[in-house]
C-alpha atoms as a PDB file:
ATOM      1  CA  MET A   1      33.579 175.799 -12.414  1.00  0.00           C
ATOM      2  CA  CYS A   2      32.478 174.762 -15.712  1.00  0.00           C
ATOM      3  CA  LEU A   3      34.761 176.778 -17.359  1.00  0.00           C
ATOM      4  CA  ALA A   4      37.836 175.447 -15.197  1.00  0.00           C
ATOM      5  CA  SER A   5      36.568 171.877 -16.107  1.00  0.00           C
ATOM      6  CA  CYS A   6      36.727 172.680 -19.491  1.00  0.00           C
ATOM      7  CA  LEU A   7      40.405 174.207 -19.440  1.00  0.00           C
ATOM      8  CA  LEU A   8      41.478 171.296 -17.066  1.00  0.00           C
ATOM      9  CA  GLN A   9      41.277 168.585 -19.616  1.00  0.00           C
ATOM     10  CA  LEU A  10      44.694 166.716 -19.606  1.00  0.00           C
ATOM     11  CA  GLU A  11      44.956 167.296 -23.717  1.00  0.00           C
ATOM     12  CA  TYR A  12      45.493 171.064 -23.090  1.00  0.00           C
ATOM     13  CA  PHE A  13      47.480 173.702 -21.681  1.00  0.00           C
ATOM     14  CA  VAL A  14      46.322 177.305 -20.680  1.00  0.00           C
ATOM     15  CA  SER A  15      48.775 180.351 -19.686  1.00  0.00           C
ATOM     16  CA  ARG A  16      48.334 183.921 -20.075  1.00  0.00           C
ATOM     17  CA  TYR A  17      50.034 185.000 -22.657  1.00  0.00           C
ATOM     18  CA  GLY A  18      50.083 189.121 -21.673  1.00  0.00           C
ATOM     19  CA  GLY A  19      47.599 191.628 -20.885  1.00  0.00           C
ATOM     20  CA  ASP A  20      44.320 190.054 -21.950  1.00  0.00           C
ATOM     21  CA  LYS A  21      45.715 187.457 -24.067  1.00  0.00           C
ATOM     22  CA  PHE A  22      45.727 184.019 -23.223  1.00  0.00           C
ATOM     23  CA  VAL A  23      47.472 180.654 -25.116  1.00  0.00           C
ATOM     24  CA  ILE A  24      45.801 177.304 -25.306  1.00  0.00           C
ATOM     25  CA  LEU A  25      47.855 174.712 -26.592  1.00  0.00           C
ATOM     26  CA  GLY A  26      46.149 171.137 -27.968  1.00  0.00           C
ATOM     27  CA  ILE A  27      48.230 168.396 -28.733  1.00  0.00           C
ATOM     28  CA  ASN A  28      47.857 166.322 -31.418  1.00  0.00           C
ATOM     29  CA  LYS A  29      44.670 168.105 -32.049  1.00  0.00           C
ATOM     30  CA  SER A  30      42.272 167.383 -35.349  1.00  0.00           C
ATOM     31  CA  ASP A  31      40.301 170.749 -37.344  1.00  0.00           C
ATOM     32  CA  GLU A  32      37.043 169.006 -35.638  1.00  0.00           C
ATOM     33  CA  GLU A  33      38.864 168.767 -32.057  1.00  0.00           C
ATOM     34  CA  LEU A  34      40.372 171.692 -31.813  1.00  0.00           C
ATOM     35  CA  ARG A  35      36.207 173.202 -33.027  1.00  0.00           C
ATOM     36  CA  ASP A  36      34.439 171.071 -31.105  1.00  0.00           C
ATOM     37  CA  PHE A  37      36.590 172.307 -27.671  1.00  0.00           C
ATOM     38  CA  ILE A  38      36.178 176.058 -28.588  1.00  0.00           C
ATOM     39  CA  GLU A  39      32.747 175.740 -29.362  1.00  0.00           C
ATOM     40  CA  LYS A  40      32.255 174.390 -25.864  1.00  0.00           C
ATOM     41  CA  LEU A  41      34.680 176.917 -24.122  1.00  0.00           C
ATOM     42  CA  PHE A  42      32.296 179.108 -25.852  1.00  0.00           C
ATOM     43  CA  CYS A  43      29.423 178.323 -24.151  1.00  0.00           C
ATOM     44  CA  ASN A  44      30.958 178.074 -21.078  1.00  0.00           C
ATOM     45  CA  ILE A  45      31.977 181.426 -21.242  1.00  0.00           C
ATOM     46  CA  ASN A  46      28.779 182.595 -22.025  1.00  0.00           C
ATOM     47  CA  SER A  47      26.953 181.225 -19.464  1.00  0.00           C
ATOM     48  CA  ALA A  48      29.423 182.126 -16.838  1.00  0.00           C
ATOM     49  CA  LYS A  49      27.743 184.488 -14.270  1.00  0.00           C
ATOM     50  CA  MET A  50      31.425 186.561 -13.066  1.00  0.00           C
ATOM     51  CA  PRO A  51      31.670 189.422 -10.271  1.00  0.00           C
ATOM     52  CA  PHE A  52      32.512 192.628 -11.588  1.00  0.00           C
ATOM     53  CA  LEU A  53      35.090 194.825  -9.760  1.00  0.00           C
ATOM     54  CA  ASP A  54      34.444 193.249  -5.765  1.00  0.00           C
ATOM     55  CA  HIS A  55      30.738 193.781  -6.207  1.00  0.00           C
ATOM     56  CA  MET A  56      28.061 191.053  -6.805  1.00  0.00           C
ATOM     57  CA  VAL A  57      27.144 192.880 -10.145  1.00  0.00           C
ATOM     58  CA  PHE A  58      27.400 190.285 -12.446  1.00  0.00           C
ATOM     59  CA  GLN A  59      28.705 190.983 -16.031  1.00  0.00           C
ATOM     60  CA  HIS A  60      28.245 189.118 -19.096  1.00  0.00           C
ATOM     61  CA  VAL A  61      31.488 187.924 -20.269  1.00  0.00           C
ATOM     62  CA  THR A  62      32.884 187.701 -24.058  1.00  0.00           C
ATOM     63  CA  ILE A  63      35.629 185.965 -25.838  1.00  0.00           C
ATOM     64  CA  SER A  64      37.431 186.787 -28.782  1.00  0.00           C
ATOM     65  CA  MET A  65      39.470 183.840 -30.481  1.00  0.00           C
ATOM     66  CA  GLY A  66      42.468 183.816 -33.254  1.00  0.00           C
ATOM     67  CA  VAL A  67      43.226 179.824 -33.590  1.00  0.00           C
ATOM     68  CA  VAL A  68      45.739 178.551 -35.746  1.00  0.00           C
ATOM     69  CA  ASN A  69      46.499 174.445 -36.430  1.00  0.00           C
ATOM     70  CA  LYS A  70      49.495 173.338 -37.609  1.00  0.00           C
ATOM     71  CA  THR A  71      51.455 170.234 -37.141  1.00  0.00           C
ATOM     72  CA  VAL A  72      55.177 170.501 -36.235  1.00  0.00           C
ATOM     73  CA  GLU A  73      56.206 169.156 -39.802  1.00  0.00           C
ATOM     74  CA  SER A  74      54.749 172.271 -41.360  1.00  0.00           C
ATOM     75  CA  GLY A  75      57.826 174.110 -40.519  1.00  0.00           C
ATOM     76  CA  TYR A  76      55.868 177.469 -38.638  1.00  0.00           C
ATOM     77  CA  SER A  77      58.282 179.090 -35.857  1.00  0.00           C
ATOM     78  CA  LEU A  78      56.596 179.359 -32.788  1.00  0.00           C
ATOM     79  CA  ALA A  79      56.717 183.326 -33.530  1.00  0.00           C
ATOM     80  CA  GLU A  80      55.075 182.314 -36.947  1.00  0.00           C
ATOM     81  CA  PHE A  81      52.546 180.302 -35.052  1.00  0.00           C
ATOM     82  CA  ILE A  82      51.471 183.044 -32.543  1.00  0.00           C
ATOM     83  CA  SER A  83      51.939 185.648 -35.434  1.00  0.00           C
ATOM     84  CA  SER A  84      48.991 183.612 -37.193  1.00  0.00           C
ATOM     85  CA  ALA A  85      47.127 183.349 -34.061  1.00  0.00           C
ATOM     86  CA  ASP A  86      47.132 186.824 -33.327  1.00  0.00           C
ATOM     87  CA  ASN A  87      46.353 188.191 -36.919  1.00  0.00           C
ATOM     88  CA  ASN A  88      43.441 186.140 -36.588  1.00  0.00           C
ATOM     89  CA  LEU A  89      42.601 187.162 -32.788  1.00  0.00           C
ATOM     90  CA  TYR A  90      42.171 191.000 -34.323  1.00  0.00           C
ATOM     91  CA  VAL A  91      39.945 189.600 -37.608  1.00  0.00           C
ATOM     92  CA  ALA A  92      37.749 188.060 -34.778  1.00  0.00           C
ATOM     93  CA  LYS A  93      38.087 191.613 -33.036  1.00  0.00           C
ATOM     94  CA  LYS A  94      37.524 193.751 -36.024  1.00  0.00           C
ATOM     95  CA  ASN A  95      34.096 191.399 -36.946  1.00  0.00           C
ATOM     96  CA  GLY A  96      32.977 191.878 -33.792  1.00  0.00           C
ATOM     97  CA  LYS A  97      32.493 190.566 -29.879  1.00  0.00           C
ATOM     98  CA  ASN A  98      32.608 186.750 -28.808  1.00  0.00           C
ATOM     99  CA  ARG A  99      33.970 184.898 -31.863  1.00  0.00           C
ATOM    100  CA  TYR A 100      36.391 183.077 -33.448  1.00  0.00           C
ATOM    101  CA  VAL A 101      38.740 183.006 -36.877  1.00  0.00           C
ATOM    102  CA  PHE A 102      40.237 179.440 -37.556  1.00  0.00           C
ATOM    103  CA  LYS A 103      42.046 179.524 -40.306  1.00  0.00           C
END
């Protein structure tokens, strides 16, 4: 429930991007606001107990994120924006689980 309340904030749009990837879009957010949101999201995910394969065996879930914060005026195309976030995601995964890279 905590995770849902974190993701259902009106200032954010959440969508599945493919496979195990999701996009979280924050509108008009500063770097600090995004970092606060990410830290809250990580805390909620790390404290969640999720059943595994319809059994009541609970698994610890981790998350890796690639984060980018750009303005429309920066001239980034959507493809460049997603590519940059994807590159950050792979850096986070390469450095270990349960972390994010924000550039």
